[in-house]
């Protein structure tokens, strides 16, 4: 079996994050590297944008030349066998197309795309040309993890507010792009936090097109970087798991634990980060006594 076959359950998958930065450590590649390590992977990172941000918001974004992005990507893939890739913030169409070209050339066995397109406020983060480029990039992904507003952008439809409508929209996106969709219910107003894997091609275990994962919303302000953290955890867990549903189940349990303990970090005055290593640290209690 080829060492990068996603069904060859690697003990330590080599996972590359392609994303922007967060100097406070709660989101972007900093969160990705923590998530990868917390879930048993070896993390690597290629920077798409340098972001001056904290728990209260973004101040400015610096985008290095696209040639430097390509050099970073090639530097990793020329030397390291990559088991999975997580893609996050891609600031413009030029960056998106460069990443798509690299994916065409390298064909990594697992690609998870977190399509960062809509801010929590509801504001679009990308212009229309970049949105079109993201839609094309989805075709290179194995799993896409949009929030509800981003799912609507991918579908080129209005955002929906009922869970059944979310699932139908995810099914249409899956059918259009040939990708598995992780539909997330965290933006719904009913207080639930259910997620669902949707694959119109029936590529989930047992030929199914839907796996639902019930969940309850945790009352906390420590939600900064949850999308980054979840998608990078999934990229790490899929090479270790027999299927996406197993990876999602484990990732959700880890994320719930990490969100629950986030406030104990006491980081920032805004929406604080999650505690990526809460489970590990809990096991070390009393180690120095």
Foldseek 3Di string as FASTA:
>chain_A
DDPLALQQQDQAAEEEEEWADEVLQFAIPSLLCLLLVLLRYHYHYQHQWYWDAFQVGTDDIGGPDLVVSLVVLCVDLVPDQHNFYEYEDHQALSNLVSVLVSCVVRVHNAYEYAYPAADPVRDGRYDPNRLVSVLVSQLSHQEYEYEQSNLCSNLVHDGDADPVVQLVSQLSSQVVRVYWYWYWDPPHPPQWTKIKIAHNQQPFPPSDGIDIDTGGDDPALQCRHLSRSLRSQQRNCSSNDNGSVVSNVVSVVQSVQQQVCQVVVVRDDGRHHTRNCNVVVVVCPPVPD
